[in-house]
Amino acid sequence: MVHKIASKIRDTRPGASVTSIITLQTEKSHRENIWHTNMLLSATEDEVIVHDPTDQLQGAAERPLDREDFYKRWAVALNRAHLIIAA
């Protein structure tokens, strides 16, 4: 869904930079009400690549998530997504 919206914006404003900030349920706690803000980087059929600032201790904040797991964690966080458009 986010990809479709971003593509539509790019079609109407060539050269526009579109970034999406999303909220995901934590995967490091059993409490569902802990959410983290991530930047959506890209997606394939099987996975979604996010920039997760909480992973910086691992040496890299960019990481792939299984697409099904991504959708479950995003749903718990109420499918929140913010688009940032720089034209």
PDB file of N, CA and C in Angstrom:
ATOM      1  N   MET A   1       0.812  -1.188   0.000  1.00  0.00           N
ATOM      2  CA  MET A   1       0.000   0.000   0.000  1.00  0.00           C
ATOM      3  C   MET A   1       0.859   1.257   0.000  1.00  0.00           C
ATOM      4  N   VAL A   2       1.848   1.330   0.877  1.00  0.00           N
ATOM      5  CA  VAL A   2       2.726   2.490   0.948  1.00  0.00           C
ATOM      6  C   VAL A   2       3.469   2.661  -0.368  1.00  0.00           C
ATOM      7  N   HIS A   3       3.920   1.547  -0.949  1.00  0.00           N
ATOM      8  CA  HIS A   3       4.636   1.604  -2.231  1.00  0.00           C
ATOM      9  C   HIS A   3       3.752   2.190  -3.331  1.00  0.00           C
ATOM     10  N   LYS A   4       2.487   1.796  -3.370  1.00  0.00           N
ATOM     11  CA  LYS A   4       1.566   2.317  -4.385  1.00  0.00           C
ATOM     12  C   LYS A   4       1.379   3.823  -4.248  1.00  0.00           C
ATOM     13  N   ILE A   5       1.233   4.286  -3.023  1.00  0.00           N
ATOM     14  CA  ILE A   5       1.054   5.724  -2.785  1.00  0.00           C
ATOM     15  C   ILE A   5       2.317   6.482  -3.187  1.00  0.00           C
ATOM     16  N   ALA A   6       3.475   5.968  -2.780  1.00  0.00           N
ATOM     17  CA  ALA A   6       4.742   6.633  -3.118  1.00  0.00           C
ATOM     18  C   ALA A   6       4.945   6.669  -4.630  1.00  0.00           C
ATOM     19  N   SER A   7       4.607   5.591  -5.320  1.00  0.00           N
ATOM     20  CA  SER A   7       4.740   5.551  -6.779  1.00  0.00           C
ATOM     21  C   SER A   7       3.825   6.572  -7.447  1.00  0.00           C
ATOM     22  N   LYS A   8       2.618   6.693  -6.944  1.00  0.00           N
ATOM     23  CA  LYS A   8       1.664   7.658  -7.503  1.00  0.00           C
ATOM     24  C   LYS A   8       2.183   9.092  -7.325  1.00  0.00           C
ATOM     25  N   ILE A   9       2.756   9.374  -6.159  1.00  0.00           N
ATOM     26  CA  ILE A   9       3.319  10.702  -5.915  1.00  0.00           C
ATOM     27  C   ILE A   9       4.476  10.964  -6.877  1.00  0.00           C
ATOM     28  N   ARG A  10       5.360   9.982  -7.049  1.00  0.00           N
ATOM     29  CA  ARG A  10       6.497  10.155  -7.959  1.00  0.00           C
ATOM     30  C   ARG A  10       6.034  10.354  -9.400  1.00  0.00           C
ATOM     31  N   ASP A  11       4.924   9.697  -9.774  1.00  0.00           N
ATOM     32  CA  ASP A  11       4.391   9.864 -11.130  1.00  0.00           C
ATOM     33  C   ASP A  11       3.884  11.287 -11.368  1.00  0.00           C
ATOM     34  N   THR A  12       3.275  11.880 -10.337  1.00  0.00           N
ATOM     35  CA  THR A  12       2.723  13.225 -10.497  1.00  0.00           C
ATOM     36  C   THR A  12       3.764  14.316 -10.253  1.00  0.00           C
ATOM     37  N   ARG A  13       4.827  13.984  -9.524  1.00  0.00           N
ATOM     38  CA  ARG A  13       5.896  14.946  -9.240  1.00  0.00           C
ATOM     39  C   ARG A  13       7.243  14.285  -9.527  1.00  0.00           C
ATOM     40  N   PRO A  14       7.625  14.235 -10.808  1.00  0.00           N
ATOM     41  CA  PRO A  14       8.913  13.611 -11.152  1.00  0.00           C
ATOM     42  C   PRO A  14      10.061  14.247 -10.364  1.00  0.00           C
ATOM     43  N   GLY A  15      10.926  13.419  -9.873  1.00  0.00           N
ATOM     44  CA  GLY A  15      12.055  13.912  -9.093  1.00  0.00           C
ATOM     45  C   GLY A  15      11.775  14.052  -7.609  1.00  0.00           C
ATOM     46  N   ALA A  16      10.542  13.837  -7.200  1.00  0.00           N
ATOM     47  CA  ALA A  16      10.212  13.938  -5.779  1.00  0.00           C
ATOM     48  C   ALA A  16      10.844  12.784  -5.014  1.00  0.00           C
ATOM     49  N   SER A  17      11.294  13.079  -3.830  1.00  0.00           N
ATOM     50  CA  SER A  17      11.828  12.052  -2.945  1.00  0.00           C
ATOM     51  C   SER A  17      10.745  11.717  -1.924  1.00  0.00           C
ATOM     52  N   VAL A  18      10.395  10.441  -1.848  1.00  0.00           N
ATOM     53  CA  VAL A  18       9.335  10.012  -0.939  1.00  0.00           C
ATOM     54  C   VAL A  18       9.920   8.987   0.035  1.00  0.00           C
ATOM     55  N   THR A  19       9.791   9.277   1.308  1.00  0.00           N
ATOM     56  CA  THR A  19      10.283   8.391   2.358  1.00  0.00           C
ATOM     57  C   THR A  19       9.113   8.048   3.275  1.00  0.00           C
ATOM     58  N   SER A  20       9.114   6.831   3.797  1.00  0.00           N
ATOM     59  CA  SER A  20       8.048   6.429   4.708  1.00  0.00           C
ATOM     60  C   SER A  20       8.620   6.022   6.054  1.00  0.00           C
ATOM     61  N   ILE A  21       8.046   6.598   7.094  1.00  0.00           N
ATOM     62  CA  ILE A  21       8.387   6.218   8.457  1.00  0.00           C
ATOM     63  C   ILE A  21       7.217   5.397   8.984  1.00  0.00           C
ATOM     64  N   ILE A  22       7.517   4.207   9.480  1.00  0.00           N
ATOM     65  CA  ILE A  22       6.482   3.285   9.933  1.00  0.00           C
ATOM     66  C   ILE A  22       6.694   2.936  11.400  1.00  0.00           C
ATOM     67  N   THR A  23       5.654   2.451  12.006  1.00  0.00           N
ATOM     68  CA  THR A  23       5.711   2.004  13.396  1.00  0.00           C
ATOM     69  C   THR A  23       5.493   0.495  13.424  1.00  0.00           C
ATOM     70  N   LEU A  24       6.376  -0.199  14.135  1.00  0.00           N
ATOM     71  CA  LEU A  24       6.273  -1.657  14.264  1.00  0.00           C
ATOM     72  C   LEU A  24       6.269  -2.055  15.737  1.00  0.00           C
ATOM     73  N   GLN A  25       5.550  -3.101  16.023  1.00  0.00           N
ATOM     74  CA  GLN A  25       5.578  -3.684  17.369  1.00  0.00           C
ATOM     75  C   GLN A  25       6.988  -4.201  17.644  1.00  0.00           C
ATOM     76  N   THR A  26       7.429  -4.063  18.877  1.00  0.00           N
ATOM     77  CA  THR A  26       8.740  -4.578  19.241  1.00  0.00           C
ATOM     78  C   THR A  26       8.782  -6.101  19.069  1.00  0.00           C
ATOM     79  N   GLU A  27       9.955  -6.591  18.796  1.00  0.00           N
ATOM     80  CA  GLU A  27      10.109  -8.048  18.751  1.00  0.00           C
ATOM     81  C   GLU A  27      10.999  -8.525  19.886  1.00  0.00           C
ATOM     82  N   LYS A  28      11.442  -7.604  20.716  1.00  0.00           N
ATOM     83  CA  LYS A  28      12.341  -7.945  21.809  1.00  0.00           C
ATOM     84  C   LYS A  28      11.644  -8.022  23.163  1.00  0.00           C
ATOM     85  N   SER A  29      10.327  -7.823  23.167  1.00  0.00           N
ATOM     86  CA  SER A  29       9.580  -7.859  24.424  1.00  0.00           C
ATOM     87  C   SER A  29       8.276  -8.612  24.196  1.00  0.00           C
ATOM     88  N   HIS A  30       7.744  -9.180  25.249  1.00  0.00           N
ATOM     89  CA  HIS A  30       6.463  -9.885  25.147  1.00  0.00           C
ATOM     90  C   HIS A  30       5.285  -8.933  25.262  1.00  0.00           C
ATOM     91  N   ARG A  31       5.556  -7.673  25.561  1.00  0.00           N
ATOM     92  CA  ARG A  31       4.493  -6.684  25.714  1.00  0.00           C
ATOM     93  C   ARG A  31       4.142  -6.103  24.342  1.00  0.00           C
ATOM     94  N   GLU A  32       2.898  -6.294  23.916  1.00  0.00           N
ATOM     95  CA  GLU A  32       2.474  -5.839  22.599  1.00  0.00           C
ATOM     96  C   GLU A  32       2.428  -4.332  22.458  1.00  0.00           C
ATOM     97  N   ASN A  33       2.359  -3.613  23.566  1.00  0.00           N
ATOM     98  CA  ASN A  33       2.174  -2.174  23.474  1.00  0.00           C
ATOM     99  C   ASN A  33       3.483  -1.399  23.345  1.00  0.00           C
ATOM    100  N   ILE A  34       4.587  -2.064  23.120  1.00  0.00           N
ATOM    101  CA  ILE A  34       5.854  -1.377  22.871  1.00  0.00           C
ATOM    102  C   ILE A  34       6.066  -1.336  21.359  1.00  0.00           C
ATOM    103  N   TRP A  35       6.185  -0.131  20.840  1.00  0.00           N
ATOM    104  CA  TRP A  35       6.335   0.064  19.401  1.00  0.00           C
ATOM    105  C   TRP A  35       7.633   0.803  19.113  1.00  0.00           C
ATOM    106  N   HIS A  36       8.165   0.586  17.915  1.00  0.00           N
ATOM    107  CA  HIS A  36       9.387   1.248  17.478  1.00  0.00           C
ATOM    108  C   HIS A  36       9.148   1.924  16.137  1.00  0.00           C
ATOM    109  N   THR A  37       9.794   3.052  15.951  1.00  0.00           N
ATOM    110  CA  THR A  37       9.718   3.761  14.687  1.00  0.00           C
ATOM    111  C   THR A  37      10.851   3.287  13.791  1.00  0.00           C
ATOM    112  N   ASN A  38      10.512   2.967  12.561  1.00  0.00           N
ATOM    113  CA  ASN A  38      11.476   2.488  11.577  1.00  0.00           C
ATOM    114  C   ASN A  38      11.292   3.259  10.275  1.00  0.00           C
ATOM    115  N   MET A  39      12.315   3.266   9.452  1.00  0.00           N
ATOM    116  CA  MET A  39      12.194   3.856   8.130  1.00  0.00           C
ATOM    117  C   MET A  39      12.096   2.713   7.124  1.00  0.00           C
ATOM    118  N   LEU A  40      11.084   2.775   6.292  1.00  0.00           N
ATOM    119  CA  LEU A  40      10.883   1.762   5.268  1.00  0.00           C
ATOM    120  C   LEU A  40      11.854   2.034   4.129  1.00  0.00           C
ATOM    121  N   LEU A  41      12.699   1.058   3.793  1.00  0.00           N
ATOM    122  CA  LEU A  41      13.707   1.257   2.755  1.00  0.00           C
ATOM    123  C   LEU A  41      13.323   0.619   1.429  1.00  0.00           C
ATOM    124  N   SER A  42      12.881  -0.632   1.464  1.00  0.00           N
ATOM    125  CA  SER A  42      12.485  -1.319   0.237  1.00  0.00           C
ATOM    126  C   SER A  42      11.753  -2.608   0.597  1.00  0.00           C
ATOM    127  N   ALA A  43      11.262  -3.278  -0.432  1.00  0.00           N
ATOM    128  CA  ALA A  43      10.548  -4.537  -0.205  1.00  0.00           C
ATOM    129  C   ALA A  43      10.714  -5.447  -1.415  1.00  0.00           C
ATOM    130  N   THR A  44      10.725  -6.733  -1.144  1.00  0.00           N
ATOM    131  CA  THR A  44      10.697  -7.749  -2.196  1.00  0.00           C
ATOM    132  C   THR A  44       9.453  -8.593  -1.939  1.00  0.00           C
ATOM    133  N   GLU A  45       9.297  -9.652  -2.702  1.00  0.00           N
ATOM    134  CA  GLU A  45       8.141 -10.530  -2.480  1.00  0.00           C
ATOM    135  C   GLU A  45       8.202 -11.214  -1.129  1.00  0.00           C
ATOM    136  N   ASP A  46       9.410 -11.455  -0.617  1.00  0.00           N
ATOM    137  CA  ASP A  46       9.575 -12.230   0.609  1.00  0.00           C
ATOM    138  C   ASP A  46       9.914 -11.424   1.856  1.00  0.00           C
ATOM    139  N   GLU A  47      10.476 -10.228   1.664  1.00  0.00           N
ATOM    140  CA  GLU A  47      10.915  -9.486   2.838  1.00  0.00           C
ATOM    141  C   GLU A  47      10.763  -7.985   2.655  1.00  0.00           C
ATOM    142  N   VAL A  48      10.823  -7.306   3.795  1.00  0.00           N
ATOM    143  CA  VAL A  48      10.754  -5.852   3.832  1.00  0.00           C
ATOM    144  C   VAL A  48      12.040  -5.385   4.514  1.00  0.00           C
ATOM    145  N   ILE A  49      12.718  -4.416   3.895  1.00  0.00           N
ATOM    146  CA  ILE A  49      13.958  -3.893   4.451  1.00  0.00           C
ATOM    147  C   ILE A  49      13.631  -2.593   5.187  1.00  0.00           C
ATOM    148  N   VAL A  50      14.027  -2.529   6.448  1.00  0.00           N
ATOM    149  CA  VAL A  50      13.781  -1.336   7.252  1.00  0.00           C
ATOM    150  C   VAL A  50      15.088  -0.833   7.847  1.00  0.00           C
ATOM    151  N   HIS A  51      15.088   0.443   8.190  1.00  0.00           N
ATOM    152  CA  HIS A  51      16.170   1.024   8.974  1.00  0.00           C
ATOM    153  C   HIS A  51      15.641   1.060  10.399  1.00  0.00           C
ATOM    154  N   ASP A  52      16.214   0.236  11.245  1.00  0.00           N
ATOM    155  CA  ASP A  52      15.748   0.089  12.625  1.00  0.00           C
ATOM    156  C   ASP A  52      16.815   0.632  13.563  1.00  0.00           C
ATOM    157  N   PRO A  53      16.641   1.841  14.074  1.00  0.00           N
ATOM    158  CA  PRO A  53      17.659   2.428  14.939  1.00  0.00           C
ATOM    159  C   PRO A  53      17.956   1.625  16.202  1.00  0.00           C
ATOM    160  N   THR A  54      17.042   0.780  16.632  1.00  0.00           N
ATOM    161  CA  THR A  54      17.293  -0.016  17.834  1.00  0.00           C
ATOM    162  C   THR A  54      18.305  -1.121  17.574  1.00  0.00           C
ATOM    163  N   ASP A  55      18.638  -1.381  16.306  1.00  0.00           N
ATOM    164  CA  ASP A  55      19.593  -2.433  15.965  1.00  0.00           C
ATOM    165  C   ASP A  55      21.027  -1.933  15.833  1.00  0.00           C
ATOM    166  N   GLN A  56      21.292  -0.691  16.153  1.00  0.00           N
ATOM    167  CA  GLN A  56      22.626  -0.157  15.956  1.00  0.00           C
ATOM    168  C   GLN A  56      23.683  -0.859  16.791  1.00  0.00           C
ATOM    169  N   LEU A  57      23.295  -1.454  17.899  1.00  0.00           N
ATOM    170  CA  LEU A  57      24.262  -2.196  18.703  1.00  0.00           C
ATOM    171  C   LEU A  57      24.786  -3.415  17.954  1.00  0.00           C
ATOM    172  N   GLN A  58      24.028  -3.903  16.997  1.00  0.00           N
ATOM    173  CA  GLN A  58      24.445  -5.047  16.199  1.00  0.00           C
ATOM    174  C   GLN A  58      25.406  -4.630  15.087  1.00  0.00           C
ATOM    175  N   GLY A  59      25.607  -3.332  14.893  1.00  0.00           N
ATOM    176  CA  GLY A  59      26.545  -2.863  13.886  1.00  0.00           C
ATOM    177  C   GLY A  59      25.887  -2.385  12.601  1.00  0.00           C
ATOM    178  N   ALA A  60      24.625  -2.675  12.401  1.00  0.00           N
ATOM    179  CA  ALA A  60      23.934  -2.227  11.193  1.00  0.00           C
ATOM    180  C   ALA A  60      22.465  -2.025  11.518  1.00  0.00           C
ATOM    181  N   ALA A  61      21.963  -0.877  11.163  1.00  0.00           N
ATOM    182  CA  ALA A  61      20.569  -0.592  11.454  1.00  0.00           C
ATOM    183  C   ALA A  61      19.645  -1.036  10.320  1.00  0.00           C
ATOM    184  N   GLU A  62      20.195  -1.278   9.135  1.00  0.00           N
ATOM    185  CA  GLU A  62      19.376  -1.761   8.026  1.00  0.00           C
ATOM    186  C   GLU A  62      19.237  -3.266   8.141  1.00  0.00           C
ATOM    187  N   ARG A  63      17.993  -3.718   8.078  1.00  0.00           N
ATOM    188  CA  ARG A  63      17.827  -5.171   8.187  1.00  0.00           C
ATOM    189  C   ARG A  63      16.565  -5.652   7.499  1.00  0.00           C
ATOM    190  N   PRO A  64      16.617  -6.874   7.016  1.00  0.00           N
ATOM    191  CA  PRO A  64      15.436  -7.454   6.376  1.00  0.00           C
ATOM    192  C   PRO A  64      14.516  -8.100   7.405  1.00  0.00           C
ATOM    193  N   LEU A  65      13.224  -7.989   7.161  1.00  0.00           N
ATOM    194  CA  LEU A  65      12.217  -8.663   7.975  1.00  0.00           C
ATOM    195  C   LEU A  65      11.387  -9.550   7.063  1.00  0.00           C
ATOM    196  N   ASP A  66      11.052 -10.721   7.543  1.00  0.00           N
ATOM    197  CA  ASP A  66      10.135 -11.577   6.802  1.00  0.00           C
ATOM    198  C   ASP A  66       8.842 -10.793   6.566  1.00  0.00           C
ATOM    199  N   ARG A  67       8.322 -10.826   5.350  1.00  0.00           N
ATOM    200  CA  ARG A  67       7.155 -10.009   4.993  1.00  0.00           C
ATOM    201  C   ARG A  67       5.948 -10.312   5.883  1.00  0.00           C
ATOM    202  N   GLU A  68       5.712 -11.571   6.173  1.00  0.00           N
ATOM    203  CA  GLU A  68       4.580 -11.949   7.033  1.00  0.00           C
ATOM    204  C   GLU A  68       4.755 -11.399   8.447  1.00  0.00           C
ATOM    205  N   ASP A  69       5.970 -11.522   8.982  1.00  0.00           N
ATOM    206  CA  ASP A  69       6.268 -10.993  10.306  1.00  0.00           C
ATOM    207  C   ASP A  69       6.114  -9.469  10.313  1.00  0.00           C
ATOM    208  N   PHE A  70       6.593  -8.809   9.248  1.00  0.00           N
ATOM    209  CA  PHE A  70       6.445  -7.364   9.126  1.00  0.00           C
ATOM    210  C   PHE A  70       4.976  -6.962   9.202  1.00  0.00           C
ATOM    211  N   TYR A  71       4.120  -7.633   8.424  1.00  0.00           N
ATOM    212  CA  TYR A  71       2.695  -7.284   8.413  1.00  0.00           C
ATOM    213  C   TYR A  71       2.047  -7.482   9.780  1.00  0.00           C
ATOM    214  N   LYS A  72       2.421  -8.543  10.484  1.00  0.00           N
ATOM    215  CA  LYS A  72       1.858  -8.781  11.823  1.00  0.00           C
ATOM    216  C   LYS A  72       2.278  -7.683  12.794  1.00  0.00           C
ATOM    217  N   ARG A  73       3.556  -7.337  12.799  1.00  0.00           N
ATOM    218  CA  ARG A  73       4.055  -6.304  13.717  1.00  0.00           C
ATOM    219  C   ARG A  73       3.515  -4.929  13.349  1.00  0.00           C
ATOM    220  N   TRP A  74       3.347  -4.667  12.068  1.00  0.00           N
ATOM    221  CA  TRP A  74       2.799  -3.383  11.619  1.00  0.00           C
ATOM    222  C   TRP A  74       1.323  -3.284  12.009  1.00  0.00           C
ATOM    223  N   ALA A  75       0.578  -4.380  11.906  1.00  0.00           N
ATOM    224  CA  ALA A  75      -0.845  -4.389  12.265  1.00  0.00           C
ATOM    225  C   ALA A  75      -1.035  -4.096  13.753  1.00  0.00           C
ATOM    226  N   VAL A  76      -0.196  -4.682  14.605  1.00  0.00           N
ATOM    227  CA  VAL A  76      -0.296  -4.424  16.045  1.00  0.00           C
ATOM    228  C   VAL A  76      -0.086  -2.927  16.312  1.00  0.00           C
ATOM    229  N   ALA A  77       0.763  -2.291  15.526  1.00  0.00           N
ATOM    230  CA  ALA A  77       1.038  -0.859  15.677  1.00  0.00           C
ATOM    231  C   ALA A  77       0.057  -0.004  14.863  1.00  0.00           C
ATOM    232  N   LEU A  78      -1.100  -0.588  14.558  1.00  0.00           N
ATOM    233  CA  LEU A  78      -2.200   0.120  13.898  1.00  0.00           C
ATOM    234  C   LEU A  78      -1.878   0.590  12.488  1.00  0.00           C
ATOM    235  N   ASN A  79      -0.987  -0.109  11.806  1.00  0.00           N
ATOM    236  CA  ASN A  79      -0.607   0.206  10.420  1.00  0.00           C
ATOM    237  C   ASN A  79      -0.233   1.671  10.242  1.00  0.00           C
ATOM    238  N   ARG A  80       0.472   2.191  11.198  1.00  0.00           N
ATOM    239  CA  ARG A  80       0.878   3.600  11.124  1.00  0.00           C
ATOM    240  C   ARG A  80       2.017   3.774  10.132  1.00  0.00           C
ATOM    241  N   ALA A  81       1.854   4.761   9.262  1.00  0.00           N
ATOM    242  CA  ALA A  81       2.886   5.111   8.296  1.00  0.00           C
ATOM    243  C   ALA A  81       2.780   6.601   7.998  1.00  0.00           C
ATOM    244  N   HIS A  82       3.899   7.250   7.964  1.00  0.00           N
ATOM    245  CA  HIS A  82       3.956   8.669   7.625  1.00  0.00           C
ATOM    246  C   HIS A  82       4.802   8.801   6.364  1.00  0.00           C
ATOM    247  N   LEU A  83       4.314   9.547   5.395  1.00  0.00           N
ATOM    248  CA  LEU A  83       5.080   9.804   4.185  1.00  0.00           C
ATOM    249  C   LEU A  83       5.719  11.177   4.282  1.00  0.00           C
ATOM    250  N   ILE A  84       6.982  11.244   3.935  1.00  0.00           N
ATOM    251  CA  ILE A  84       7.695  12.510   3.877  1.00  0.00           C
ATOM    252  C   ILE A  84       8.007  12.743   2.412  1.00  0.00           C
ATOM    253  N   ILE A  85       7.545  13.864   1.891  1.00  0.00           N
ATOM    254  CA  ILE A  85       7.704  14.160   0.469  1.00  0.00           C
ATOM    255  C   ILE A  85       8.575  15.409   0.325  1.00  0.00           C
ATOM    256  N   ALA A  86       9.691  15.265  -0.361  1.00  0.00           N
ATOM    257  CA  ALA A  86      10.549  16.407  -0.672  1.00  0.00           C
ATOM    258  C   ALA A  86      10.503  16.595  -2.185  1.00  0.00           C
ATOM    259  N   ALA A  87       9.895  17.677  -2.611  1.00  0.00           N
ATOM    260  CA  ALA A  87       9.719  17.894  -4.051  1.00  0.00           C
ATOM    261  C   ALA A  87      10.761  18.826  -4.603  1.00  0.00           C
TER     262      ALA A  87
END
